[in-house]
């Protein structure tokens, strides 16, 4: 059975007692949703959805780094907005962080309400990078799809 390991960092807001900031399992990092909360004040950052989007992504970045990964390794992003009128403002900030090709796949949906009354929440999945893959010999295993075995 695959081992799963909780990821925790004090550089991002702490999770509630019934979930983890992220889980590492089989070379992947699965991050919980992140909101635009400042870890120093434990309050939502002031301003608009762009400010909270930036902080949410910075929080995810801190969690990914604690897991030995980075935003460059993100493969899937889910964005939740309480108002699709905020899509352009969120997207502008999002593009500042996720501009390298290949970009992650993404879903963005409108929801009725988010924690603490915020207007944006972002979650992601990333791989742990080439260093992890080579340290576990995953890169040298035969590719069963191409019959390289």
Protein backbone atom coordinates (compact mmCIF):
# COMPACT_ATOMS: atom_id res chain seq x y z
CA UNK A 1 0.00 0.00 0.00
CA UNK A 2 1.41 3.44 -0.90
CA UNK A 3 2.65 5.55 1.98
CA UNK A 4 1.14 8.97 2.40
CA UNK A 5 2.84 11.73 4.36
CA UNK A 6 1.31 14.94 5.71
CA UNK A 7 3.03 18.20 4.79
CA UNK A 8 3.05 21.05 7.28
CA UNK A 9 4.63 24.49 7.29
CA UNK A 10 4.25 27.56 9.46
CA UNK A 11 4.79 29.71 6.35
CA UNK A 12 1.15 29.17 5.37
CA UNK A 13 -2.02 29.34 7.46
CA UNK A 14 -2.45 26.20 9.57
CA UNK A 15 -5.17 23.75 8.61
CA UNK A 16 -8.16 22.94 10.75
CA UNK A 17 -7.69 19.80 12.89
CA UNK A 18 -9.46 17.50 10.42
CA UNK A 19 -7.28 17.99 7.33
CA UNK A 20 -3.66 18.56 6.24
CA UNK A 21 -2.11 21.44 4.32
CA UNK A 22 -0.97 18.83 1.81
CA UNK A 23 -0.31 15.13 1.39
CA UNK A 24 2.68 13.59 -0.41
CA UNK A 25 2.06 10.20 -1.98
CA UNK A 26 3.91 8.34 -4.75
CA UNK A 27 5.74 11.41 -6.02
CA UNK A 28 2.71 13.68 -6.02
CA UNK A 29 1.71 16.55 -3.71
CA UNK A 30 -2.01 17.11 -3.13
CA UNK A 31 -2.66 20.55 -1.60
CA UNK A 32 -5.75 21.57 0.33
CA UNK A 33 -7.58 24.67 -0.76
CA UNK A 34 -5.83 27.93 0.04
CA UNK A 35 -7.46 31.28 0.66
CA UNK A 36 -5.92 34.74 0.72
CA UNK A 37 -5.09 34.65 4.42
CA UNK A 38 -1.95 36.36 5.71
CA UNK A 39 -0.11 33.91 7.95
CA UNK A 40 1.24 36.78 10.11
CA UNK A 41 -2.18 38.23 10.97
CA UNK A 42 -4.36 35.16 10.34
CA UNK A 43 -6.79 37.47 8.53
CA UNK A 44 -7.79 37.78 4.90
CA UNK A 45 -5.61 40.28 3.08
CA UNK A 46 -7.34 43.56 2.36
CA UNK A 47 -8.12 44.77 -1.12
CA UNK A 48 -9.82 42.90 -3.91
CA UNK A 49 -9.89 39.43 -5.37
CA UNK A 50 -6.52 40.04 -7.05
CA UNK A 51 -4.86 40.60 -3.66
CA UNK A 52 -6.44 37.49 -2.18
CA UNK A 53 -5.58 35.42 -5.27
CA UNK A 54 -1.94 36.44 -4.94
CA UNK A 55 -1.87 35.54 -1.24
CA UNK A 56 -3.63 32.21 -1.84
CA UNK A 57 -1.01 31.28 -4.44
CA UNK A 58 1.83 32.42 -2.17
CA UNK A 59 0.37 30.19 0.56
CA UNK A 60 0.27 27.25 -1.87
CA UNK A 61 3.85 28.02 -2.88
CA UNK A 62 4.95 27.78 0.77
CA UNK A 63 3.20 24.44 1.20
CA UNK A 64 4.66 23.07 -2.03
CA UNK A 65 8.16 24.14 -1.01
CA UNK A 66 7.69 22.42 2.37
CA UNK A 67 6.83 19.30 0.37
CA UNK A 68 9.99 19.58 -1.72
CA UNK A 69 8.12 20.81 -4.78
CA UNK A 70 7.29 24.15 -6.39
CA UNK A 71 4.72 26.02 -8.44
CA UNK A 72 6.67 24.94 -11.54
CA UNK A 73 5.67 21.33 -10.78
CA UNK A 74 1.92 22.02 -10.55
CA UNK A 75 -0.10 19.86 -12.94
CA UNK A 76 -3.70 20.63 -11.87
CA UNK A 77 -5.38 23.68 -10.34
CA UNK A 78 -8.94 24.17 -9.13
CA UNK A 79 -10.13 27.74 -8.57
CA UNK A 80 -13.33 28.56 -6.71
CA UNK A 81 -14.86 32.03 -7.04
CA UNK A 82 -17.96 33.39 -5.34
CA UNK A 83 -18.56 35.73 -8.29
CA UNK A 84 -17.53 35.01 -11.88
CA UNK A 85 -17.32 38.78 -12.39
CA UNK A 86 -13.97 38.37 -10.58
CA UNK A 87 -12.65 35.92 -13.19
CA UNK A 88 -10.53 38.46 -15.12
CA UNK A 89 -8.93 39.94 -11.99
CA UNK A 90 -8.13 36.48 -10.61
CA UNK A 91 -6.84 35.30 -13.98
CA UNK A 92 -4.47 38.26 -14.36
CA UNK A 93 -2.73 37.42 -11.07
CA UNK A 94 -2.87 33.67 -11.74
CA UNK A 95 -1.04 34.21 -15.06
CA UNK A 96 1.83 35.94 -13.23
CA UNK A 97 2.55 32.69 -11.36
CA UNK A 98 1.62 30.09 -13.99
CA UNK A 99 3.14 31.41 -17.21
CA UNK A 100 5.64 28.68 -18.11
CA UNK A 101 4.71 25.99 -20.61
CA UNK A 102 3.30 23.53 -20.20
CA UNK A 103 0.81 25.34 -18.00
CA UNK A 104 -1.21 23.30 -15.49
CA UNK A 105 -4.67 22.12 -16.42
CA UNK A 106 -7.29 24.14 -14.58
CA UNK A 107 -10.92 24.25 -13.61
CA UNK A 108 -12.60 27.42 -12.37
CA UNK A 109 -16.09 27.29 -10.91
CA UNK A 110 -18.45 29.64 -9.15
CA UNK A 111 -19.59 28.62 -5.69
CA UNK A 112 -22.16 30.09 -3.34
CA UNK A 113 -19.85 30.70 -0.38
CA UNK A 114 -16.24 30.17 0.76
CA UNK A 115 -14.60 30.03 4.22
CA UNK A 116 -14.35 33.28 6.18
CA UNK A 117 -16.37 35.06 3.50
CA UNK A 118 -13.47 35.14 1.03
CA UNK A 119 -14.11 35.44 -2.68
CA UNK A 120 -11.46 33.01 -3.97
CA UNK A 121 -10.00 29.64 -2.97
CA UNK A 122 -7.36 27.71 -4.91
CA UNK A 123 -6.17 24.11 -4.61
CA UNK A 124 -3.57 22.28 -6.64
CA UNK A 125 -1.79 19.02 -7.33
CA UNK A 126 1.92 18.91 -8.18
CA UNK A 127 4.62 16.34 -8.74
CA UNK A 128 7.71 16.35 -6.53
CA UNK A 129 10.13 17.01 -9.37
CA UNK A 130 12.94 15.26 -11.20
CA UNK A 131 15.10 14.92 -8.05
CA UNK A 132 12.41 12.84 -6.36
CA UNK A 133 11.79 10.74 -9.44
CA UNK A 134 15.46 9.94 -9.95
CA UNK A 135 15.99 9.19 -6.24
CA UNK A 136 13.23 6.58 -6.37
CA UNK A 137 14.36 5.04 -9.67
CA UNK A 138 11.00 5.87 -11.24
CA UNK A 139 12.77 7.36 -14.26
CA UNK A 140 14.69 4.14 -14.92
CA UNK A 141 11.71 1.80 -14.75
CA UNK A 142 10.56 0.26 -18.04
CA UNK A 143 7.79 2.09 -19.84
CA UNK A 144 5.08 -0.53 -20.24
CA UNK A 145 3.20 1.65 -22.71
CA UNK A 146 6.09 1.67 -25.23
CA UNK A 147 7.31 -1.86 -24.50
CA UNK A 148 10.76 -0.56 -23.45
CA UNK A 149 11.12 -3.62 -21.24
